[in-house]
Amino acid sequence: MEEEYDGLDEYIDVLINEERTKLIQGDIGLSTCQFFKEDGKGGVTPFASGVMVELGPSSYILTASHVIEDWSNASKLFVPLADTHVSVVGHAYGTTMDKENKYDIAYIKLTPELARLLRYTYRFMPIHKMLHHWKSLLEPNYCIFGYPVINQKKVDGAVKTFGSAYFSLPCQDKVFEYYGLNPLAHYAFEFQGKAVNIQSNKVEKIKTEHYGLSGCGVWYVDIEFKHNKFKSSAQLIGIMMEFRKGKYECLIGNRMEIILATIEKNEGIKIKRTI
């Protein structure tokens, strides 16, 4: 009997991981972009991450402020498009990282021409797929998906990059207190130990390589069993800004509430919340 339950648990885990994979290949992956910068040799090199969103009539890439701090005509940022890379064009705003509030928020408001071009490859998340609430749930339903710079491999002689998804638990209150974080403005997630590889369904040690994750999305993943089948959805809840390594290893991000308020203030618009 115990073996039957173990087999059932394993089967359920497989089905849940299949739903996670669908989300990563769907909304989460298609709305996440990798930033590249010039390598000084006529090419580009992986740099950071961002999330494409749609707010009213305008299209944006959300990221972290330190990702765009050197962005200029002389120091361009690029995103992949088909078999090439296109220069990011638009106007940007980034907060000044201050020790008191620990805000590291940035957005790029894309030109309509670039936004239309990117829609052939990417998916811009609408406001109804963003979750803005004040409560963190102590469940492993949080996904951080981005592009660590270490994720590279050669395919047919060309270097290809790929993303990584981390399903993690929120850190406890003592971590927020230790690092001086505000739970109404920040998220903090455990980034150590072992996790399930959703492709192999095996428990593996997490590679705590965080470079390149800056600016990637934090997602709340909801998987429920309804009408004899699993149903899943993902809501964008924040943007990652930094990694802390020391007493507590964790990924830290700003919450969507703060990010949306920043856009409203600087763009002079009112974003209608749906959740």
Protein backbone atom coordinates (compact mmCIF):
# COMPACT_ATOMS: atom_id res chain seq x y z
CA MET A 1 0.00 0.00 0.00
CA GLU A 2 2.81 2.39 0.89
CA GLU A 3 4.51 1.71 -2.44
CA GLU A 4 1.25 2.51 -4.24
CA TYR A 5 1.06 5.88 -2.49
CA ASP A 6 4.71 6.57 -3.33
CA GLY A 7 4.01 5.80 -6.99
CA LEU A 8 0.97 8.09 -6.95
CA ASP A 9 2.98 10.91 -5.37
CA GLU A 10 5.67 10.56 -8.03
CA TYR A 11 3.05 10.61 -10.79
CA ILE A 12 1.44 13.76 -9.34
CA ASP A 13 4.89 15.40 -9.13
CA VAL A 14 5.44 14.62 -12.81
CA LEU A 15 2.11 16.22 -13.74
CA ILE A 16 2.85 19.32 -11.65
CA ASN A 17 6.29 19.68 -13.24
CA GLU A 18 4.68 19.39 -16.66
CA GLU A 19 2.44 22.34 -15.77
CA ARG A 20 5.46 24.32 -14.58
CA THR A 21 7.23 23.59 -17.85
CA LYS A 22 4.20 24.81 -19.83
CA LEU A 23 4.29 28.11 -17.94
CA ILE A 24 8.03 28.55 -18.43
CA GLN A 25 7.70 27.85 -22.14
CA GLY A 26 4.59 30.05 -22.25
CA ASP A 27 3.83 33.28 -20.37
CA ILE A 28 6.94 33.30 -18.17
CA GLY A 29 9.52 32.47 -20.82
CA LEU A 30 7.96 34.39 -23.69
CA SER A 31 7.74 37.63 -21.72
CA THR A 32 11.30 37.39 -20.37
CA CYS A 33 14.14 38.83 -22.42
CA GLN A 34 17.88 38.64 -22.07
CA PHE A 35 19.88 41.84 -22.34
CA PHE A 36 23.19 41.82 -24.17
CA LYS A 37 25.87 44.49 -24.31
CA GLU A 38 28.71 45.10 -26.75
CA ASP A 39 31.79 42.98 -26.07
CA GLY A 40 34.29 45.39 -27.64
CA LYS A 41 35.08 42.91 -30.41
CA GLY A 42 32.20 43.67 -32.73
CA GLY A 43 29.85 41.23 -31.04
CA VAL A 44 27.62 41.08 -27.98
CA THR A 45 27.82 39.32 -24.64
CA PRO A 46 25.10 38.25 -22.13
CA PHE A 47 24.44 40.81 -19.45
CA ALA A 48 21.09 40.82 -17.60
CA SER A 49 17.37 40.11 -17.81
CA GLY A 50 14.08 41.99 -18.22
CA VAL A 51 10.33 41.40 -18.47
CA MET A 52 8.10 42.80 -21.21
CA VAL A 53 4.76 44.23 -20.12
CA GLU A 54 1.88 46.18 -21.60
CA LEU A 55 0.35 49.05 -19.66
CA GLY A 56 -2.42 50.84 -21.51
CA PRO A 57 -1.31 51.82 -25.01
CA SER A 58 2.41 51.60 -24.19
CA SER A 59 4.91 48.74 -24.03
CA TYR A 60 7.69 48.50 -21.46
CA ILE A 61 10.62 46.35 -20.39
CA LEU A 62 10.86 46.15 -16.59
CA THR A 63 14.31 45.55 -15.13
CA ALA A 64 16.64 46.72 -12.34
CA SER A 65 18.09 50.22 -12.21
CA HIS A 66 21.73 49.11 -12.18
CA VAL A 67 21.09 47.22 -15.44
CA ILE A 68 20.41 50.44 -17.39
CA GLU A 69 22.65 52.88 -15.50
CA ASP A 70 25.26 52.94 -18.30
CA TRP A 71 22.80 52.63 -21.20
CA SER A 72 23.42 55.29 -23.86
CA ASN A 73 24.08 55.69 -27.56
CA ALA A 74 27.70 54.85 -26.81
CA SER A 75 26.81 51.88 -24.58
CA LYS A 76 23.84 50.13 -26.11
CA LEU A 77 21.68 47.28 -24.85
CA PHE A 78 20.43 44.57 -27.18
CA VAL A 79 17.77 41.85 -27.02
CA PRO A 80 17.59 38.71 -29.18
CA LEU A 81 15.20 38.72 -32.11
CA ALA A 82 15.08 35.73 -34.47
CA ASP A 83 18.72 35.00 -35.40
CA THR A 84 20.07 38.43 -34.52
CA HIS A 85 20.06 41.09 -31.80
CA VAL A 86 18.29 44.43 -31.98
CA SER A 87 19.23 47.59 -30.14
CA VAL A 88 16.76 48.63 -27.45
CA VAL A 89 15.18 51.96 -28.37
CA GLY A 90 12.98 54.05 -26.08
CA HIS A 91 13.25 56.22 -23.00
CA ALA A 92 14.19 54.86 -19.60
CA TYR A 93 13.85 55.69 -15.95
CA GLY A 94 15.80 54.17 -13.10
CA THR A 95 15.76 54.86 -9.38
CA THR A 96 18.90 55.83 -7.57
CA MET A 97 19.83 52.93 -5.35
CA ASP A 98 19.67 54.27 -1.79
CA LYS A 99 20.58 52.48 1.40
CA GLU A 100 17.40 53.55 3.18
CA ASN A 101 14.66 52.35 0.83
CA LYS A 102 16.67 49.78 -1.18
CA TYR A 103 14.75 50.47 -4.38
CA ASP A 104 16.43 49.27 -7.58
CA ILE A 105 13.65 49.84 -10.10
CA ALA A 106 13.87 50.61 -13.79
CA TYR A 107 11.76 50.51 -16.90
CA ILE A 108 12.26 51.20 -20.57
CA LYS A 109 9.28 52.61 -22.44
CA LEU A 110 9.76 51.18 -25.91
CA THR A 111 9.13 53.02 -29.14
CA PRO A 112 5.95 51.75 -30.85
CA GLU A 113 8.04 50.59 -33.82
CA LEU A 114 10.31 48.39 -31.68
CA ALA A 115 7.39 47.08 -29.63
CA ARG A 116 5.60 45.93 -32.78
CA LEU A 117 8.75 44.17 -33.96
CA LEU A 118 9.32 42.42 -30.63
CA ARG A 119 5.76 41.09 -30.54
CA TYR A 120 6.68 38.64 -33.29
CA THR A 121 8.93 36.85 -30.77
CA TYR A 122 7.88 37.94 -27.30
CA ARG A 123 4.69 38.14 -25.26
CA PHE A 124 3.92 41.38 -23.44
CA MET A 125 2.21 40.72 -20.11
CA PRO A 126 -1.03 42.71 -19.59
CA ILE A 127 -1.99 44.20 -16.24
CA HIS A 128 -4.45 41.37 -15.45
CA LYS A 129 -1.48 38.97 -15.35
CA MET A 130 0.26 40.99 -12.66
CA LEU A 131 -0.47 40.32 -9.02
CA HIS A 132 -0.13 43.11 -6.50
CA HIS A 133 -0.99 42.17 -2.96
CA TRP A 134 0.75 42.60 0.38
CA LYS A 135 0.87 39.02 1.58
CA SER A 136 3.63 36.47 0.92
CA LEU A 137 2.61 32.84 1.14
CA LEU A 138 5.03 30.37 2.72
CA GLU A 139 4.72 27.92 -0.16
CA PRO A 140 7.17 26.95 -2.95
CA ASN A 141 4.88 28.60 -5.49
CA TYR A 142 7.28 31.38 -6.38
CA CYS A 143 9.29 31.20 -9.59
CA ILE A 144 12.30 33.34 -10.46
CA PHE A 145 13.09 33.05 -14.16
CA GLY A 146 15.96 34.79 -15.91
CA TYR A 147 19.19 34.39 -17.81
CA PRO A 148 22.34 33.73 -15.74
CA VAL A 149 25.34 34.69 -17.88
CA ILE A 150 26.85 31.26 -17.22
CA ASN A 151 24.04 29.61 -19.21
CA GLN A 152 25.80 29.25 -22.54
CA LYS A 153 26.54 26.37 -24.86
CA LYS A 154 27.78 25.88 -28.42
CA VAL A 155 25.27 24.63 -30.97
CA ASP A 156 26.52 24.12 -34.54
CA GLY A 157 29.48 26.33 -33.79
CA ALA A 158 27.39 29.22 -32.46
CA VAL A 159 27.00 30.23 -28.80
CA LYS A 160 23.43 29.82 -27.54
CA THR A 161 22.10 31.08 -24.22
CA PHE A 162 19.22 29.73 -22.17
CA GLY A 163 17.23 30.67 -19.10
CA SER A 164 16.87 29.11 -15.67
CA ALA A 165 13.81 28.82 -13.46
CA TYR A 166 14.07 28.62 -9.68
CA PHE A 167 11.04 27.60 -7.61
CA SER A 168 11.66 28.84 -4.12
CA LEU A 169 10.24 29.68 -0.71
CA PRO A 170 10.02 33.23 0.65
CA CYS A 171 12.60 33.98 3.34
CA GLN A 172 11.52 34.25 6.94
CA ASP A 173 11.09 37.54 8.79
CA LYS A 174 14.54 37.28 10.36
CA VAL A 175 16.13 37.58 6.89
CA PHE A 176 14.21 40.80 6.20
CA GLU A 177 15.33 42.17 9.55
CA TYR A 178 18.95 41.13 9.02
CA TYR A 179 19.22 42.82 5.61
CA GLY A 180 16.99 45.79 6.48
CA LEU A 181 14.31 44.94 3.94
CA ASN A 182 10.75 46.23 3.93
CA PRO A 183 8.20 43.42 3.41
CA LEU A 184 5.82 45.95 1.83
CA ALA A 185 8.40 46.86 -0.82
CA HIS A 186 10.57 43.77 -1.21
CA TYR A 187 10.55 40.05 -1.78
CA ALA A 188 13.34 37.77 -0.57
CA PHE A 189 13.67 34.13 -1.61
CA GLU A 190 15.89 31.28 -0.53
CA PHE A 191 18.65 30.55 -3.05
CA GLN A 192 20.59 27.56 -1.82
CA GLY A 193 20.37 23.82 -1.21
CA LYS A 194 18.56 21.49 -3.59
CA ALA A 195 15.60 21.71 -5.92
CA VAL A 196 13.76 19.62 -8.48
CA ASN A 197 15.00 19.84 -12.06
CA ILE A 198 11.69 20.06 -13.91
CA GLN A 199 13.17 18.51 -17.05
CA SER A 200 14.64 15.40 -15.41
CA ASN A 201 12.34 15.38 -12.35
CA LYS A 202 15.42 14.71 -10.20
CA VAL A 203 16.50 16.51 -7.05
CA GLU A 204 19.69 18.38 -7.84
CA LYS A 205 21.89 20.91 -6.11
CA ILE A 206 21.06 24.48 -7.09
CA LYS A 207 23.81 26.26 -8.97
CA THR A 208 23.87 29.54 -7.07
CA GLU A 209 25.03 31.55 -10.08
CA HIS A 210 23.11 34.79 -9.96
CA TYR A 211 24.92 37.06 -12.42
CA GLY A 212 22.50 37.87 -15.21
CA LEU A 213 19.35 37.34 -13.13
CA SER A 214 19.17 41.05 -12.30
CA GLY A 215 15.98 42.46 -13.78
CA CYS A 216 14.26 39.11 -14.23
CA GLY A 217 10.71 38.43 -13.09
CA VAL A 218 9.31 37.02 -9.87
CA TRP A 219 6.18 35.00 -10.57
CA TYR A 220 3.49 33.50 -8.40
CA VAL A 221 2.57 30.13 -9.88
CA ASP A 222 -0.84 28.67 -9.13
CA ILE A 223 -1.46 25.02 -10.00
CA GLU A 224 -4.82 23.49 -9.12
CA PHE A 225 -6.59 20.23 -9.88
CA LYS A 226 -10.01 20.97 -11.26
CA HIS A 227 -12.45 18.95 -13.36
CA ASN A 228 -10.09 15.95 -13.39
CA LYS A 229 -7.13 17.86 -14.75
CA PHE A 230 -4.43 20.25 -13.63
CA LYS A 231 -4.77 23.92 -14.47
CA SER A 232 -1.94 26.41 -14.05
CA SER A 233 -1.37 30.15 -14.28
CA ALA A 234 1.45 32.59 -13.55
CA GLN A 235 1.20 36.14 -12.23
CA LEU A 236 4.08 38.62 -12.35
CA ILE A 237 4.59 39.91 -8.80
CA GLY A 238 8.02 41.57 -8.83
CA ILE A 239 11.41 42.17 -10.42
CA MET A 240 14.69 40.81 -9.06
CA MET A 241 17.35 43.34 -8.13
CA GLU A 242 20.14 41.66 -6.18
CA PHE A 243 21.66 38.58 -4.59
CA ARG A 244 22.88 38.41 -1.02
CA LYS A 245 25.49 35.88 0.03
CA GLY A 246 26.57 35.55 3.62
CA LYS A 247 24.61 34.52 6.66
CA TYR A 248 21.55 34.11 4.45
CA GLU A 249 21.81 33.39 0.74
CA CYS A 250 18.83 34.91 -0.99
CA LEU A 251 17.51 36.67 -4.07
CA ILE A 252 15.90 40.06 -3.42
CA GLY A 253 13.39 41.88 -5.58
CA ASN A 254 11.05 44.85 -5.57
CA ARG A 255 7.31 44.23 -5.51
CA MET A 256 4.98 45.12 -8.38
CA GLU A 257 3.10 47.60 -6.18
CA ILE A 258 6.23 49.77 -5.97
CA ILE A 259 7.13 49.31 -9.63
CA LEU A 260 3.67 50.26 -10.91
CA ALA A 261 3.53 53.29 -8.61
CA THR A 262 6.92 54.41 -9.98
CA ILE A 263 5.68 54.18 -13.57
CA GLU A 264 2.47 56.05 -12.72
CA LYS A 265 4.38 58.88 -11.08
CA ASN A 266 6.97 59.31 -13.82
CA GLU A 267 4.71 58.78 -16.83
CA GLY A 268 1.78 60.75 -15.42
CA ILE A 269 -0.65 57.89 -16.00
CA LYS A 270 -3.13 55.91 -13.94
CA ILE A 271 -2.82 52.12 -14.18
CA LYS A 272 -6.08 50.33 -13.51
CA ARG A 273 -5.49 47.40 -11.17
CA THR A 274 -7.54 44.30 -11.88
CA ILE A 275 -6.52 42.12 -8.91
